[in-house]
Amino acid sequence: MALKPLQIHGSVAAPNPFKVAIVLSELGLPYEFIDVPYSELKGPAFTAINPNGRSPALVDPNNDNFTIWESGAIINYVITQYDTEHKLSFPIGTKEYHLTQQWLHFQMSGQGPYFGQWYWFQNYHDEKIPSAIERYAKEVKRVTNVLDGWLADKQFLVGDKCTFADLAFIPWQSGLPEMTGLNVESEVPNAHRWLESMRNKPEVAKVIKASAEARLQREKSK
């Protein structure tokens, strides 16, 4: 029986729903976006799905409409439920399994918050606070340098293949030049090579295009 599309509640324009879509696309799973405008994230319709009022949330109609939120938890669910051939993962209990969890947690606790705070203070905060922007720009560079150093003699974060842990970094890492002014090719060449190798994957490229189009449409509607 063909799978029904998994429902991502959120917008592909936002980094975390974008991240989930990349993993689903790489696994060849059907999915659809149930768009939730930012202004409605704290409203009753969405908080009935995710009481935290943040996107994304995932509803799986193939599993009794199982609902889960937090992008890292969503990715772990999808991998456990659907990546039975370990295309993007390693068997539970292996050292590689634990290392993919390590890098996913680093993305969730390190990359995402610091990159996100830079973006907020640069673009949305009521007043410009140079010290805040500078602080988060430094953290963005620090996180990227961690990746760059680790990837100096490696193609991927864990093992010999691209995993969900690598893919999770794509949305925020793609904005690095804008955030820091770094010449990524010369200053963080290993992280740049790694990122571009993933961005050039056909399924990833489709999601990147859809995200860019959604962001453009959102800007036009303001």
Protein backbone atom coordinates (compact mmCIF):
# COMPACT_ATOMS: atom_id res chain seq x y z
CA MET A 1 0.00 0.00 0.00
CA ALA A 2 1.34 3.40 -0.98
CA LEU A 3 2.24 5.73 1.84
CA LYS A 4 0.06 8.75 2.48
CA PRO A 5 1.92 12.08 2.52
CA LEU A 6 3.36 12.99 5.90
CA GLN A 7 2.14 16.42 6.97
CA ILE A 8 4.66 19.09 7.94
CA HIS A 9 2.83 21.87 9.76
CA GLY A 10 4.87 25.02 9.20
CA SER A 11 6.43 26.86 6.27
CA VAL A 12 9.23 25.61 4.04
CA ALA A 13 10.53 29.19 4.22
CA ALA A 14 11.58 28.61 7.85
CA PRO A 15 14.78 26.70 8.70
CA ASN A 16 13.36 23.95 10.89
CA PRO A 17 10.48 22.84 8.63
CA PHE A 18 12.97 23.16 5.75
CA LYS A 19 15.32 20.81 7.61
CA VAL A 20 12.62 18.17 8.08
CA ALA A 21 11.63 18.42 4.41
CA ILE A 22 15.23 17.76 3.34
CA VAL A 23 15.36 14.51 5.32
CA LEU A 24 11.97 13.35 4.01
CA SER A 25 13.01 14.17 0.45
CA GLU A 26 16.29 12.28 0.73
CA LEU A 27 14.39 9.24 1.98
CA GLY A 28 11.95 9.50 -0.92
CA LEU A 29 8.97 9.85 1.39
CA PRO A 30 5.80 11.66 0.28
CA TYR A 31 4.99 14.76 2.29
CA GLU A 32 3.01 17.96 2.14
CA PHE A 33 3.25 21.29 3.87
CA ILE A 34 0.31 22.55 5.88
CA ASP A 35 1.27 26.20 5.88
CA VAL A 36 1.02 27.97 9.22
CA PRO A 37 1.69 31.73 9.09
CA TYR A 38 3.91 33.06 11.86
CA SER A 39 0.99 35.11 13.16
CA GLU A 40 -0.98 31.92 13.82
CA LEU A 41 1.68 29.81 15.54
CA LYS A 42 0.39 30.72 19.00
CA GLY A 43 -3.25 30.41 17.98
CA PRO A 44 -5.55 27.61 19.15
CA ALA A 45 -5.52 25.66 15.87
CA PHE A 46 -1.76 25.17 15.87
CA THR A 47 -1.22 24.87 19.63
CA ALA A 48 -3.71 22.00 19.58
CA ILE A 49 -1.04 20.22 17.50
CA ASN A 50 2.03 21.73 19.15
CA PRO A 51 1.41 23.33 22.55
CA ASN A 52 4.78 25.10 22.30
CA GLY A 53 3.53 27.13 19.33
CA ARG A 54 6.69 26.71 17.27
CA SER A 55 7.05 25.12 13.86
CA PRO A 56 7.32 22.46 12.69
CA ALA A 57 5.04 19.71 13.84
CA LEU A 58 4.64 16.45 11.95
CA VAL A 59 1.46 14.41 11.59
CA ASP A 60 1.88 10.90 10.18
CA PRO A 61 -1.35 9.57 8.65
CA ASN A 62 0.36 6.21 8.13
CA ASN A 63 0.68 5.73 11.89
CA ASP A 64 -2.74 6.63 13.33
CA ASN A 65 -2.07 10.35 12.77
CA PHE A 66 0.81 10.21 15.21
CA THR A 67 1.85 13.78 16.00
CA ILE A 68 5.29 14.94 17.07
CA TRP A 69 7.00 18.32 17.35
CA GLU A 70 10.55 19.68 17.73
CA SER A 71 12.50 19.24 14.51
CA GLY A 72 15.19 17.00 16.01
CA ALA A 73 12.56 14.70 17.52
CA ILE A 74 10.72 14.66 14.19
CA ILE A 75 13.88 13.65 12.35
CA ASN A 76 14.58 10.87 14.86
CA TYR A 77 11.02 9.61 14.48
CA VAL A 78 11.20 9.61 10.69
CA ILE A 79 14.56 7.84 10.71
CA THR A 80 13.40 5.19 13.19
CA GLN A 81 10.09 4.65 11.44
CA TYR A 82 11.11 4.79 7.80
CA ASP A 83 14.87 4.48 7.31
CA THR A 84 14.91 0.73 7.83
CA GLU A 85 17.66 0.29 5.22
CA HIS A 86 19.84 2.89 6.95
CA LYS A 87 20.20 5.11 3.91
CA LEU A 88 20.72 8.15 6.14
CA SER A 89 21.52 6.47 9.43
CA PHE A 90 23.29 3.65 11.23
CA PRO A 91 21.83 0.78 13.27
CA ILE A 92 20.75 1.67 16.80
CA GLY A 93 23.43 0.85 19.35
CA THR A 94 26.41 1.25 17.04
CA LYS A 95 29.06 3.87 17.72
CA GLU A 96 28.06 5.61 14.51
CA TYR A 97 24.45 5.80 15.71
CA HIS A 98 25.50 7.61 18.86
CA LEU A 99 27.75 9.97 16.91
CA THR A 100 24.92 10.96 14.58
CA GLN A 101 22.89 11.78 17.68
CA GLN A 102 25.80 13.83 19.00
CA TRP A 103 25.93 15.95 15.84
CA LEU A 104 22.16 16.35 15.66
CA HIS A 105 22.18 17.62 19.25
CA PHE A 106 25.00 20.01 18.38
CA GLN A 107 22.94 21.34 15.50
CA MET A 108 19.91 21.77 17.75
CA SER A 109 21.70 23.30 20.74
CA GLY A 110 24.59 25.09 19.02
CA GLN A 111 24.04 25.97 15.40
CA GLY A 112 20.29 26.60 15.41
CA PRO A 113 20.04 28.89 18.45
CA TYR A 114 23.13 31.00 17.66
CA PHE A 115 22.35 31.39 13.97
CA GLY A 116 18.73 32.10 14.84
CA GLN A 117 19.56 34.77 17.41
CA TRP A 118 21.89 36.51 14.97
CA TYR A 119 19.10 36.56 12.39
CA TRP A 120 16.63 37.94 14.93
CA PHE A 121 18.83 40.78 16.19
CA GLN A 122 19.95 41.64 12.67
CA ASN A 123 16.52 41.67 11.06
CA TYR A 124 13.61 41.79 13.53
CA HIS A 125 14.58 43.26 16.90
CA ASP A 126 12.96 46.63 17.61
CA GLU A 127 16.32 48.36 17.92
CA LYS A 128 19.77 47.61 16.59
CA ILE A 129 22.04 46.32 19.35
CA PRO A 130 25.52 46.04 17.83
CA SER A 131 26.92 44.11 20.80
CA ALA A 132 24.24 41.42 20.44
CA ILE A 133 24.76 41.14 16.70
CA GLU A 134 28.52 40.93 17.22
CA ARG A 135 28.18 38.30 19.95
CA TYR A 136 26.04 36.01 17.85
CA ALA A 137 28.15 36.55 14.73
CA LYS A 138 31.15 35.35 16.75
CA GLU A 139 29.23 32.28 17.88
CA VAL A 140 28.17 31.57 14.30
CA LYS A 141 31.85 31.63 13.32
CA ARG A 142 32.79 29.45 16.28
CA VAL A 143 30.22 26.80 15.42
CA THR A 144 31.37 26.85 11.81
CA ASN A 145 34.99 26.48 12.85
CA VAL A 146 34.06 23.39 14.86
CA LEU A 147 32.57 21.90 11.71
CA ASP A 148 35.47 23.02 9.54
CA GLY A 149 38.06 21.47 11.83
CA TRP A 150 36.19 18.20 12.14
CA LEU A 151 35.76 17.92 8.37
CA ALA A 152 39.42 18.60 7.57
CA ASP A 153 40.02 14.93 6.78
CA LYS A 154 36.43 13.73 6.43
CA GLN A 155 33.77 13.91 3.76
CA PHE A 156 30.89 13.64 6.21
CA LEU A 157 30.32 14.11 9.93
CA VAL A 158 29.97 10.40 10.71
CA GLY A 159 31.23 7.42 8.77
CA ASP A 160 31.46 7.24 5.02
CA LYS A 161 28.03 8.54 4.02
CA CYS A 162 25.77 11.55 4.28
CA THR A 163 23.39 11.07 7.19
CA PHE A 164 20.48 12.95 8.70
CA ALA A 165 23.02 14.62 10.99
CA ASP A 166 24.76 16.25 8.02
CA LEU A 167 21.50 17.24 6.37
CA ALA A 168 20.19 18.94 9.51
CA PHE A 169 22.84 21.66 9.21
CA ILE A 170 21.93 22.76 5.68
CA PRO A 171 19.26 25.46 6.22
CA TRP A 172 21.12 27.65 8.71
CA GLN A 173 24.60 26.93 7.36
CA SER A 174 23.54 28.14 3.92
CA GLY A 175 23.17 31.66 5.34
CA LEU A 176 26.71 31.82 6.71
CA PRO A 177 28.22 34.40 4.29
CA GLU A 178 25.37 36.84 4.99
CA MET A 179 25.75 36.44 8.74
CA THR A 180 29.50 36.76 9.08
CA GLY A 181 30.98 38.20 5.91
CA LEU A 182 33.29 35.19 5.78
CA ASN A 183 34.87 34.18 2.51
CA VAL A 184 33.71 30.64 3.02
CA GLU A 185 35.80 29.11 0.25
CA SER A 186 39.06 30.34 1.74
CA GLU A 187 38.30 30.73 5.46
CA VAL A 188 36.25 27.59 6.14
CA PRO A 189 36.98 25.47 3.05
CA ASN A 190 36.17 22.11 4.61
CA ALA A 191 32.75 23.19 5.87
CA HIS A 192 32.10 24.91 2.53
CA ARG A 193 32.99 21.78 0.51
CA TRP A 194 30.79 19.64 2.75
CA LEU A 195 27.83 22.02 2.53
CA GLU A 196 28.03 22.36 -1.25
CA SER A 197 28.23 18.59 -1.71
CA MET A 198 24.88 18.31 0.06
CA ARG A 199 23.25 21.35 -1.53
CA ASN A 200 24.01 19.84 -4.94
CA LYS A 201 22.10 16.65 -4.22
CA PRO A 202 19.07 16.66 -6.58
CA GLU A 203 16.43 16.15 -3.88
CA VAL A 204 18.05 18.67 -1.56
CA ALA A 205 18.28 21.20 -4.39
CA LYS A 206 14.52 20.89 -4.97
CA VAL A 207 13.77 21.72 -1.34
CA ILE A 208 16.24 24.62 -1.39
CA LYS A 209 14.45 26.04 -4.44
CA ALA A 210 11.03 25.62 -2.82
CA SER A 211 12.27 27.32 0.35
CA ALA A 212 13.73 30.26 -1.58
CA GLU A 213 10.49 30.71 -3.50
CA ALA A 214 8.46 30.59 -0.29
CA ARG A 215 10.69 33.22 1.35
CA LEU A 216 10.33 35.47 -1.68
CA GLN A 217 6.57 35.09 -1.62
CA ARG A 218 6.50 35.86 2.09
CA GLU A 219 8.50 39.05 1.56
CA LYS A 220 6.14 40.15 -1.22
CA SER A 221 3.11 39.64 0.99
CA LYS A 222 4.41 41.86 3.82
